[in-house]
Amino acid sequence: MRTTVIVCSIALLMMLAAPASAASSREIVVEVTSIAAAKRPASERGEAAVELDPRLGPFSKNLLSLFAYDSYTFLSKDRATVEFGDATVLELPERFSIAVAPEQLGRDGSDMIEMLVTLFREVPRGEGDQGRGTPEREVILRTKIRLKNGGTVLLGGPPIREGVLVLALSVRA
């Protein structure tokens, strides 16, 4: 009888633990939209005060209120799925990449996603290496972000040929 109680107790504990481990290994979808932001010369501005690529419509209000540029051009959009505790790397224009590592979903029962975000730039190896091997990565930005599930954050980034790289980082569980 005692053995049956112990076996049943272990089985019950395993069933209770299963949903918790499934919840902790949930996946999130990460989406990064790369945007070139620039100041145009006065001679090129024309009648429109701000030139905004129509593909950036969902971000237009925030772009215009957060940044002081007058031209916003869509460059690329990438998406990946990643589990909590893992990381995914997305390639960006002009030898940049971003690593996103979701750490947890709302510790306090909230709908917030905590993640570590690292922006890298690939730099060529030294002269003696003659370009062989994997390029080195220089960390441009490393920050921890707490973002509402389904939310988007805009990150002003480094200079690029077209102006400045701005990233719209969206996540949803």
N, C-alpha and C. Protein backbone atom coordinates (compact mmCIF):
# COMPACT_ATOMS: atom_id res chain seq x y z
N MET A 1 0.82 -1.20 0.00
CA MET A 1 0.00 0.00 0.00
C MET A 1 0.86 1.26 0.00
N ARG A 2 1.90 1.25 0.84
CA ARG A 2 2.78 2.42 0.93
C ARG A 2 3.50 2.65 -0.40
N THR A 3 3.90 1.57 -1.08
CA THR A 3 4.57 1.68 -2.38
C THR A 3 3.62 2.30 -3.40
N THR A 4 2.36 1.91 -3.37
CA THR A 4 1.37 2.47 -4.29
C THR A 4 1.20 3.96 -4.07
N VAL A 5 1.17 4.39 -2.81
CA VAL A 5 1.03 5.81 -2.49
C VAL A 5 2.25 6.58 -2.99
N ILE A 6 3.44 6.02 -2.80
CA ILE A 6 4.67 6.69 -3.26
C ILE A 6 4.67 6.80 -4.78
N VAL A 7 4.33 5.72 -5.48
CA VAL A 7 4.30 5.73 -6.95
C VAL A 7 3.26 6.74 -7.45
N CYS A 8 2.09 6.76 -6.84
CA CYS A 8 1.06 7.72 -7.23
C CYS A 8 1.52 9.15 -6.97
N SER A 9 2.19 9.37 -5.84
CA SER A 9 2.69 10.70 -5.52
C SER A 9 3.73 11.16 -6.53
N ILE A 10 4.62 10.26 -6.91
CA ILE A 10 5.64 10.60 -7.91
C ILE A 10 4.98 10.91 -9.25
N ALA A 11 4.01 10.10 -9.66
CA ALA A 11 3.30 10.33 -10.92
C ALA A 11 2.58 11.68 -10.90
N LEU A 12 1.95 11.99 -9.77
CA LEU A 12 1.25 13.27 -9.64
C LEU A 12 2.23 14.44 -9.73
N LEU A 13 3.38 14.33 -9.06
CA LEU A 13 4.40 15.38 -9.13
C LEU A 13 4.91 15.55 -10.55
N MET A 14 5.09 14.46 -11.28
CA MET A 14 5.57 14.55 -12.66
C MET A 14 4.54 15.25 -13.54
N MET A 15 3.25 14.96 -13.32
CA MET A 15 2.21 15.62 -14.12
C MET A 15 2.14 17.10 -13.80
N LEU A 16 2.31 17.47 -12.54
CA LEU A 16 2.28 18.87 -12.17
C LEU A 16 3.51 19.61 -12.70
N ALA A 17 4.64 18.94 -12.76
CA ALA A 17 5.87 19.58 -13.24
C ALA A 17 5.86 19.75 -14.75
N ALA A 18 5.18 18.89 -15.48
CA ALA A 18 5.19 18.94 -16.95
C ALA A 18 4.69 20.26 -17.50
N PRO A 19 3.53 20.80 -17.06
CA PRO A 19 3.10 22.07 -17.61
C PRO A 19 4.07 23.21 -17.29
N ALA A 20 4.69 23.18 -16.13
CA ALA A 20 5.63 24.24 -15.78
C ALA A 20 6.83 24.22 -16.70
N SER A 21 7.36 23.03 -17.00
CA SER A 21 8.51 22.99 -17.90
C SER A 21 8.11 23.34 -19.32
N ALA A 22 6.90 23.00 -19.72
CA ALA A 22 6.44 23.39 -21.06
C ALA A 22 6.30 24.90 -21.16
N ALA A 23 5.81 25.53 -20.07
CA ALA A 23 5.65 26.98 -20.10
C ALA A 23 7.00 27.67 -20.14
N SER A 24 8.00 27.10 -19.45
CA SER A 24 9.30 27.74 -19.44
C SER A 24 10.05 27.56 -20.75
N SER A 25 9.63 26.60 -21.57
CA SER A 25 10.31 26.40 -22.85
C SER A 25 9.48 26.97 -24.01
N ARG A 26 8.57 27.86 -23.71
CA ARG A 26 7.76 28.48 -24.74
C ARG A 26 8.61 29.24 -25.72
N GLU A 27 8.11 29.35 -26.90
CA GLU A 27 8.83 30.07 -27.94
C GLU A 27 8.26 31.47 -28.10
N ILE A 28 9.09 32.35 -28.59
CA ILE A 28 8.62 33.67 -28.98
C ILE A 28 9.04 33.93 -30.42
N VAL A 29 8.30 34.79 -31.07
CA VAL A 29 8.63 35.21 -32.42
C VAL A 29 9.28 36.58 -32.31
N VAL A 30 10.45 36.72 -32.90
CA VAL A 30 11.20 37.96 -32.91
C VAL A 30 11.18 38.49 -34.34
N GLU A 31 10.85 39.76 -34.49
CA GLU A 31 10.83 40.39 -35.80
C GLU A 31 11.64 41.68 -35.74
N VAL A 32 12.56 41.85 -36.68
CA VAL A 32 13.39 43.04 -36.72
C VAL A 32 13.23 43.71 -38.07
N THR A 33 12.80 44.97 -38.05
CA THR A 33 12.70 45.78 -39.26
C THR A 33 13.85 46.77 -39.24
N SER A 34 14.66 46.75 -40.30
CA SER A 34 15.80 47.66 -40.40
C SER A 34 15.39 48.87 -41.22
N ILE A 35 15.72 50.04 -40.69
CA ILE A 35 15.30 51.32 -41.28
C ILE A 35 16.53 52.22 -41.41
N ALA A 36 16.66 52.89 -42.55
CA ALA A 36 17.70 53.92 -42.71
C ALA A 36 17.05 55.26 -42.44
N ALA A 37 17.59 55.97 -41.47
CA ALA A 37 17.09 57.31 -41.13
C ALA A 37 18.17 58.31 -41.53
N ALA A 38 17.74 59.43 -42.15
CA ALA A 38 18.73 60.40 -42.61
C ALA A 38 18.15 61.81 -42.61
N LYS A 39 19.04 62.77 -42.63
CA LYS A 39 18.68 64.18 -42.84
C LYS A 39 19.01 64.49 -44.29
N ARG A 40 18.02 64.92 -45.04
CA ARG A 40 18.24 65.29 -46.44
C ARG A 40 18.68 66.75 -46.53
N PRO A 41 19.50 67.04 -47.53
CA PRO A 41 19.86 68.46 -47.75
C PRO A 41 18.59 69.27 -48.06
N ALA A 42 18.59 70.52 -47.67
CA ALA A 42 17.42 71.39 -47.86
C ALA A 42 16.97 71.41 -49.31
N SER A 43 17.90 71.32 -50.25
CA SER A 43 17.56 71.35 -51.68
C SER A 43 16.78 70.12 -52.13
N GLU A 44 16.85 69.01 -51.37
CA GLU A 44 16.16 67.77 -51.75
C GLU A 44 14.84 67.56 -51.01
N ARG A 45 14.52 68.40 -50.06
CA ARG A 45 13.35 68.16 -49.22
C ARG A 45 12.03 68.35 -49.95
N GLY A 46 11.94 69.28 -50.85
CA GLY A 46 10.69 69.51 -51.56
C GLY A 46 9.59 69.96 -50.63
N GLU A 47 8.34 69.63 -50.99
CA GLU A 47 7.18 70.06 -50.19
C GLU A 47 6.99 69.21 -48.94
N ALA A 48 7.34 67.94 -49.02
CA ALA A 48 7.14 67.06 -47.87
C ALA A 48 8.22 67.31 -46.83
N ALA A 49 7.80 67.63 -45.62
CA ALA A 49 8.75 67.86 -44.54
C ALA A 49 9.48 66.57 -44.18
N VAL A 50 8.77 65.44 -44.21
CA VAL A 50 9.35 64.15 -43.88
C VAL A 50 9.01 63.16 -44.98
N GLU A 51 10.02 62.43 -45.42
CA GLU A 51 9.84 61.38 -46.42
C GLU A 51 9.83 60.06 -45.67
N LEU A 52 8.68 59.37 -45.69
CA LEU A 52 8.52 58.14 -44.92
C LEU A 52 8.11 57.01 -45.86
N ASP A 53 8.91 55.98 -45.92
CA ASP A 53 8.61 54.80 -46.73
C ASP A 53 7.26 54.23 -46.26
N PRO A 54 6.32 53.97 -47.19
CA PRO A 54 5.00 53.48 -46.79
C PRO A 54 5.04 52.14 -46.03
N ARG A 55 6.08 51.34 -46.22
CA ARG A 55 6.20 50.06 -45.51
C ARG A 55 6.49 50.26 -44.02
N LEU A 56 6.79 51.49 -43.63
CA LEU A 56 7.09 51.78 -42.23
C LEU A 56 5.88 52.37 -41.50
N GLY A 57 4.72 52.31 -42.11
CA GLY A 57 3.49 52.86 -41.54
C GLY A 57 3.24 52.51 -40.08
N PRO A 58 3.40 51.23 -39.69
CA PRO A 58 3.13 50.88 -38.29
C PRO A 58 4.05 51.58 -37.28
N PHE A 59 5.19 52.05 -37.75
CA PHE A 59 6.15 52.69 -36.84
C PHE A 59 6.20 54.20 -37.01
N SER A 60 5.42 54.75 -37.95
CA SER A 60 5.55 56.16 -38.33
C SER A 60 5.41 57.13 -37.16
N LYS A 61 4.40 56.95 -36.34
CA LYS A 61 4.18 57.88 -35.22
C LYS A 61 5.39 57.92 -34.29
N ASN A 62 5.90 56.75 -33.93
CA ASN A 62 7.05 56.68 -33.02
C ASN A 62 8.33 57.17 -33.68
N LEU A 63 8.53 56.85 -34.95
CA LEU A 63 9.72 57.34 -35.65
C LEU A 63 9.76 58.86 -35.64
N LEU A 64 8.63 59.46 -35.96
CA LEU A 64 8.57 60.92 -36.06
C LEU A 64 8.68 61.61 -34.70
N SER A 65 8.21 60.95 -33.65
CA SER A 65 8.27 61.59 -32.33
C SER A 65 9.60 61.34 -31.61
N LEU A 66 10.29 60.24 -31.93
CA LEU A 66 11.51 59.90 -31.21
C LEU A 66 12.80 60.37 -31.88
N PHE A 67 12.77 60.50 -33.20
CA PHE A 67 13.99 60.80 -33.93
C PHE A 67 13.84 62.09 -34.72
N ALA A 68 14.96 62.77 -34.94
CA ALA A 68 14.94 64.07 -35.62
C ALA A 68 15.48 63.97 -37.05
N TYR A 69 15.01 62.98 -37.79
CA TYR A 69 15.42 62.82 -39.18
C TYR A 69 14.25 63.19 -40.08
N ASP A 70 14.53 63.43 -41.35
CA ASP A 70 13.43 63.78 -42.26
C ASP A 70 13.28 62.79 -43.41
N SER A 71 13.99 61.66 -43.32
CA SER A 71 13.85 60.61 -44.32
C SER A 71 13.99 59.25 -43.64
N TYR A 72 13.01 58.38 -43.85
CA TYR A 72 13.01 57.04 -43.27
C TYR A 72 12.76 56.04 -44.40
N THR A 73 13.72 55.16 -44.63
CA THR A 73 13.64 54.20 -45.73
C THR A 73 13.68 52.77 -45.18
N PHE A 74 12.75 51.95 -45.63
CA PHE A 74 12.72 50.53 -45.26
C PHE A 74 13.92 49.84 -45.90
N LEU A 75 14.67 49.06 -45.11
CA LEU A 75 15.81 48.31 -45.65
C LEU A 75 15.53 46.81 -45.71
N SER A 76 15.05 46.24 -44.61
CA SER A 76 14.78 44.79 -44.59
C SER A 76 13.92 44.44 -43.39
N LYS A 77 13.39 43.22 -43.44
CA LYS A 77 12.59 42.71 -42.33
C LYS A 77 12.92 41.23 -42.18
N ASP A 78 13.29 40.83 -40.97
CA ASP A 78 13.62 39.44 -40.70
C ASP A 78 12.84 38.95 -39.50
N ARG A 79 12.58 37.64 -39.49
CA ARG A 79 11.79 37.04 -38.41
C ARG A 79 12.43 35.71 -38.01
N ALA A 80 12.38 35.41 -36.72
CA ALA A 80 12.89 34.13 -36.22
C ALA A 80 12.07 33.72 -35.02
N THR A 81 12.07 32.42 -34.75
CA THR A 81 11.42 31.87 -33.57
C THR A 81 12.51 31.36 -32.65
N VAL A 82 12.39 31.66 -31.36
CA VAL A 82 13.42 31.26 -30.40
C VAL A 82 12.75 30.89 -29.08
N GLU A 83 13.31 29.90 -28.40
CA GLU A 83 12.79 29.49 -27.10
C GLU A 83 13.41 30.32 -25.99
N PHE A 84 12.69 30.47 -24.90
CA PHE A 84 13.23 31.14 -23.73
C PHE A 84 14.48 30.39 -23.29
N GLY A 85 15.52 31.14 -22.96
CA GLY A 85 16.78 30.54 -22.55
C GLY A 85 17.76 30.34 -23.70
N ASP A 86 17.30 30.44 -24.94
CA ASP A 86 18.16 30.33 -26.11
C ASP A 86 18.36 31.71 -26.72
N ALA A 87 19.13 31.77 -27.79
CA ALA A 87 19.34 33.03 -28.49
C ALA A 87 19.21 32.79 -29.99
N THR A 88 18.83 33.83 -30.71
CA THR A 88 18.79 33.78 -32.16
C THR A 88 19.53 35.00 -32.68
N VAL A 89 20.18 34.83 -33.83
CA VAL A 89 20.92 35.93 -34.44
C VAL A 89 20.29 36.23 -35.79
N LEU A 90 19.98 37.50 -36.01
CA LEU A 90 19.41 37.94 -37.28
C LEU A 90 20.42 38.85 -37.98
N GLU A 91 20.62 38.60 -39.27
CA GLU A 91 21.54 39.42 -40.06
C GLU A 91 20.84 40.72 -40.46
N LEU A 92 21.57 41.81 -40.37
CA LEU A 92 21.06 43.13 -40.70
C LEU A 92 21.88 43.70 -41.85
N PRO A 93 21.45 44.80 -42.44
CA PRO A 93 22.22 45.42 -43.52
C PRO A 93 23.61 45.88 -43.05
N GLU A 94 24.49 46.00 -44.00
CA GLU A 94 25.83 46.58 -43.82
C GLU A 94 26.66 45.91 -42.74
N ARG A 95 26.66 44.59 -42.75
CA ARG A 95 27.51 43.77 -41.88
C ARG A 95 27.15 43.86 -40.40
N PHE A 96 25.94 44.24 -40.09
CA PHE A 96 25.48 44.24 -38.71
C PHE A 96 24.63 43.00 -38.48
N SER A 97 24.53 42.59 -37.23
CA SER A 97 23.63 41.52 -36.84
C SER A 97 23.15 41.80 -35.42
N ILE A 98 22.04 41.18 -35.07
CA ILE A 98 21.47 41.38 -33.74
C ILE A 98 21.17 40.01 -33.14
N ALA A 99 21.59 39.83 -31.89
CA ALA A 99 21.29 38.61 -31.15
C ALA A 99 20.22 38.94 -30.12
N VAL A 100 19.18 38.12 -30.09
CA VAL A 100 18.08 38.32 -29.14
C VAL A 100 17.96 37.04 -28.32
N ALA A 101 18.04 37.18 -27.00
CA ALA A 101 17.96 36.04 -26.09
C ALA A 101 16.86 36.28 -25.07
N PRO A 102 15.64 35.76 -25.34
CA PRO A 102 14.56 35.93 -24.36
C PRO A 102 14.87 35.14 -23.10
N GLU A 103 14.70 35.81 -21.97
CA GLU A 103 15.04 35.18 -20.71
C GLU A 103 13.83 34.63 -19.98
N GLN A 104 12.74 35.38 -19.97
CA GLN A 104 11.54 34.88 -19.31
C GLN A 104 10.32 35.71 -19.66
N LEU A 105 9.19 35.10 -19.44
CA LEU A 105 7.90 35.75 -19.67
C LEU A 105 7.30 36.08 -18.32
N GLY A 106 7.10 37.36 -18.06
CA GLY A 106 6.41 37.87 -16.89
C GLY A 106 6.56 37.10 -15.61
N ARG A 107 7.69 37.26 -14.96
CA ARG A 107 7.95 36.63 -13.66
C ARG A 107 6.83 36.90 -12.67
N ASP A 108 6.31 38.10 -12.70
CA ASP A 108 5.30 38.53 -11.73
C ASP A 108 3.87 38.33 -12.23
N GLY A 109 3.72 37.47 -13.24
CA GLY A 109 2.39 37.22 -13.78
C GLY A 109 2.00 38.23 -14.85
N SER A 110 2.88 39.18 -15.15
CA SER A 110 2.58 40.18 -16.17
C SER A 110 2.80 39.60 -17.56
N ASP A 111 2.48 40.36 -18.56
CA ASP A 111 2.60 39.94 -19.95
C ASP A 111 3.88 40.53 -20.57
N MET A 112 4.93 40.65 -19.77
CA MET A 112 6.18 41.25 -20.21
C MET A 112 7.19 40.17 -20.59
N ILE A 113 7.97 40.44 -21.62
CA ILE A 113 9.03 39.54 -22.04
C ILE A 113 10.36 40.23 -21.76
N GLU A 114 11.21 39.56 -20.99
CA GLU A 114 12.54 40.08 -20.70
C GLU A 114 13.52 39.41 -21.65
N MET A 115 14.42 40.23 -22.24
CA MET A 115 15.39 39.65 -23.16
C MET A 115 16.67 40.46 -23.18
N LEU A 116 17.75 39.77 -23.52
CA LEU A 116 19.04 40.40 -23.71
C LEU A 116 19.21 40.64 -25.20
N VAL A 117 19.54 41.87 -25.58
CA VAL A 117 19.69 42.23 -26.99
C VAL A 117 21.12 42.73 -27.20
N THR A 118 21.79 42.16 -28.20
CA THR A 118 23.16 42.56 -28.51
C THR A 118 23.26 42.88 -29.99
N LEU A 119 23.73 44.09 -30.31
CA LEU A 119 23.95 44.51 -31.68
C LEU A 119 25.43 44.38 -31.98
N PHE A 120 25.76 43.65 -33.07
CA PHE A 120 27.14 43.41 -33.47
C PHE A 120 27.42 44.03 -34.83
N ARG A 121 28.69 44.27 -35.07
CA ARG A 121 29.15 44.63 -36.41
C ARG A 121 30.30 43.70 -36.74
N GLU A 122 30.25 43.11 -37.93
CA GLU A 122 31.36 42.27 -38.37
C GLU A 122 32.51 43.16 -38.80
N VAL A 123 33.71 42.86 -38.30
CA VAL A 123 34.89 43.62 -38.68
C VAL A 123 35.88 42.67 -39.32
N PRO A 124 36.52 43.11 -40.40
CA PRO A 124 37.49 42.24 -41.06
C PRO A 124 38.64 41.90 -40.12
N ARG A 125 39.20 40.73 -40.32
CA ARG A 125 40.36 40.31 -39.52
C ARG A 125 41.56 41.15 -39.89
N GLY A 126 42.60 41.08 -39.10
CA GLY A 126 43.82 41.85 -39.30
C GLY A 126 44.51 41.54 -40.62
N GLU A 127 45.46 42.37 -40.97
CA GLU A 127 46.21 42.25 -42.23
C GLU A 127 46.87 40.88 -42.36
N GLY A 128 47.46 40.37 -41.29
CA GLY A 128 48.20 39.11 -41.35
C GLY A 128 47.32 37.92 -41.62
N ASP A 129 46.06 37.99 -41.35
CA ASP A 129 45.14 36.88 -41.54
C ASP A 129 44.71 36.76 -43.00
N GLN A 130 44.88 37.80 -43.79
CA GLN A 130 44.55 37.85 -45.21
C GLN A 130 43.10 37.47 -45.49
N GLY A 131 42.21 37.87 -44.56
CA GLY A 131 40.78 37.70 -44.79
C GLY A 131 40.27 36.29 -44.61
N ARG A 132 41.12 35.37 -44.13
CA ARG A 132 40.65 34.00 -43.95
C ARG A 132 39.92 33.85 -42.62
N GLY A 133 39.04 32.87 -42.57
CA GLY A 133 38.35 32.57 -41.33
C GLY A 133 37.11 33.43 -41.13
N THR A 134 36.53 33.26 -39.98
CA THR A 134 35.31 33.98 -39.63
C THR A 134 35.65 35.40 -39.20
N PRO A 135 34.90 36.38 -39.70
CA PRO A 135 35.16 37.75 -39.26
C PRO A 135 34.87 37.89 -37.76
N GLU A 136 35.53 38.81 -37.13
CA GLU A 136 35.29 39.09 -35.72
C GLU A 136 34.05 39.94 -35.58
N ARG A 137 33.43 39.87 -34.43
CA ARG A 137 32.25 40.68 -34.16
C ARG A 137 32.57 41.69 -33.08
N GLU A 138 32.26 42.94 -33.38
CA GLU A 138 32.43 44.02 -32.42
C GLU A 138 31.07 44.32 -31.81
N VAL A 139 30.99 44.35 -30.49
CA VAL A 139 29.72 44.65 -29.83
C VAL A 139 29.48 46.16 -29.90
N ILE A 140 28.37 46.54 -30.48
CA ILE A 140 27.98 47.94 -30.59
C ILE A 140 27.07 48.33 -29.42
N LEU A 141 26.17 47.43 -29.07
CA LEU A 141 25.20 47.69 -28.00
C LEU A 141 24.82 46.38 -27.35
N ARG A 142 24.77 46.37 -26.03
CA ARG A 142 24.24 45.22 -25.29
C ARG A 142 23.35 45.79 -24.21
N THR A 143 22.08 45.38 -24.23
CA THR A 143 21.13 45.92 -23.26
C THR A 143 20.08 44.86 -22.93
N LYS A 144 19.50 45.01 -21.78
CA LYS A 144 18.39 44.16 -21.39
C LYS A 144 17.11 44.96 -21.59
N ILE A 145 16.14 44.34 -22.24
CA ILE A 145 14.89 45.01 -22.55
C ILE A 145 13.75 44.22 -21.91
N ARG A 146 12.80 44.95 -21.38
CA ARG A 146 11.55 44.36 -20.86
C ARG A 146 10.43 44.97 -21.68
N LEU A 147 9.81 44.14 -22.51
CA LEU A 147 8.86 44.61 -23.50
C LEU A 147 7.54 43.86 -23.37
N LYS A 148 6.45 44.57 -23.49
CA LYS A 148 5.13 43.95 -23.42
C LYS A 148 4.99 42.94 -24.56
N ASN A 149 4.38 41.80 -24.25
CA ASN A 149 4.15 40.77 -25.26
C ASN A 149 3.37 41.39 -26.43
N GLY A 150 3.92 41.28 -27.63
CA GLY A 150 3.31 41.87 -28.81
C GLY A 150 3.77 43.29 -29.08
N GLY A 151 4.66 43.79 -28.24
CA GLY A 151 5.11 45.17 -28.36
C GLY A 151 6.32 45.33 -29.27
N THR A 152 6.66 46.59 -29.51
CA THR A 152 7.79 46.96 -30.36
C THR A 152 8.60 48.05 -29.68
N VAL A 153 9.91 47.95 -29.81
CA VAL A 153 10.81 48.99 -29.33
C VAL A 153 11.66 49.45 -30.51
N LEU A 154 11.91 50.76 -30.58
CA LEU A 154 12.77 51.32 -31.62
C LEU A 154 14.14 51.59 -31.02
N LEU A 155 15.18 51.12 -31.71
CA LEU A 155 16.55 51.33 -31.26
C LEU A 155 17.29 52.16 -32.30
N GLY A 156 17.78 53.32 -31.90
CA GLY A 156 18.61 54.13 -32.78
C GLY A 156 20.00 53.54 -32.79
N GLY A 157 20.51 53.29 -33.96
CA GLY A 157 21.77 52.57 -34.04
C GLY A 157 22.91 53.35 -34.65
N PRO A 158 23.84 52.63 -35.23
CA PRO A 158 25.08 53.20 -35.74
C PRO A 158 24.91 53.83 -37.12
N PRO A 159 25.90 54.63 -37.52
CA PRO A 159 25.87 55.21 -38.87
C PRO A 159 26.02 54.13 -39.94
N ILE A 160 25.32 54.31 -41.05
CA ILE A 160 25.44 53.45 -42.23
C ILE A 160 25.52 54.37 -43.44
N ARG A 161 25.73 53.79 -44.62
CA ARG A 161 25.86 54.61 -45.83
C ARG A 161 24.66 55.51 -46.06
N GLU A 162 23.46 55.00 -45.79
CA GLU A 162 22.23 55.75 -46.05
C GLU A 162 21.85 56.70 -44.94
N GLY A 163 22.64 56.76 -43.87
CA GLY A 163 22.32 57.64 -42.73
C GLY A 163 22.62 56.96 -41.42
N VAL A 164 21.56 56.60 -40.69
CA VAL A 164 21.69 55.92 -39.40
C VAL A 164 20.76 54.71 -39.43
N LEU A 165 21.24 53.60 -38.88
CA LEU A 165 20.43 52.39 -38.81
C LEU A 165 19.50 52.48 -37.60
N VAL A 166 18.20 52.38 -37.83
CA VAL A 166 17.20 52.33 -36.77
C VAL A 166 16.56 50.95 -36.86
N LEU A 167 16.38 50.32 -35.72
CA LEU A 167 15.79 48.98 -35.68
C LEU A 167 14.46 49.00 -34.94
N ALA A 168 13.46 48.38 -35.53
CA ALA A 168 12.18 48.17 -34.87
C ALA A 168 12.14 46.70 -34.46
N LEU A 169 12.26 46.44 -33.16
CA LEU A 169 12.32 45.08 -32.63
C LEU A 169 10.97 44.75 -32.01
N SER A 170 10.31 43.73 -32.56
CA SER A 170 8.99 43.31 -32.06
C SER A 170 9.08 41.87 -31.56
N VAL A 171 8.33 41.57 -30.48
CA VAL A 171 8.31 40.21 -29.95
C VAL A 171 6.89 39.84 -29.55
N ARG A 172 6.59 38.54 -29.70
CA ARG A 172 5.32 38.03 -29.20
C ARG A 172 5.46 36.56 -28.86
N ALA A 173 4.82 36.18 -27.77
CA ALA A 173 4.87 34.80 -27.31
C ALA A 173 3.75 34.00 -27.97
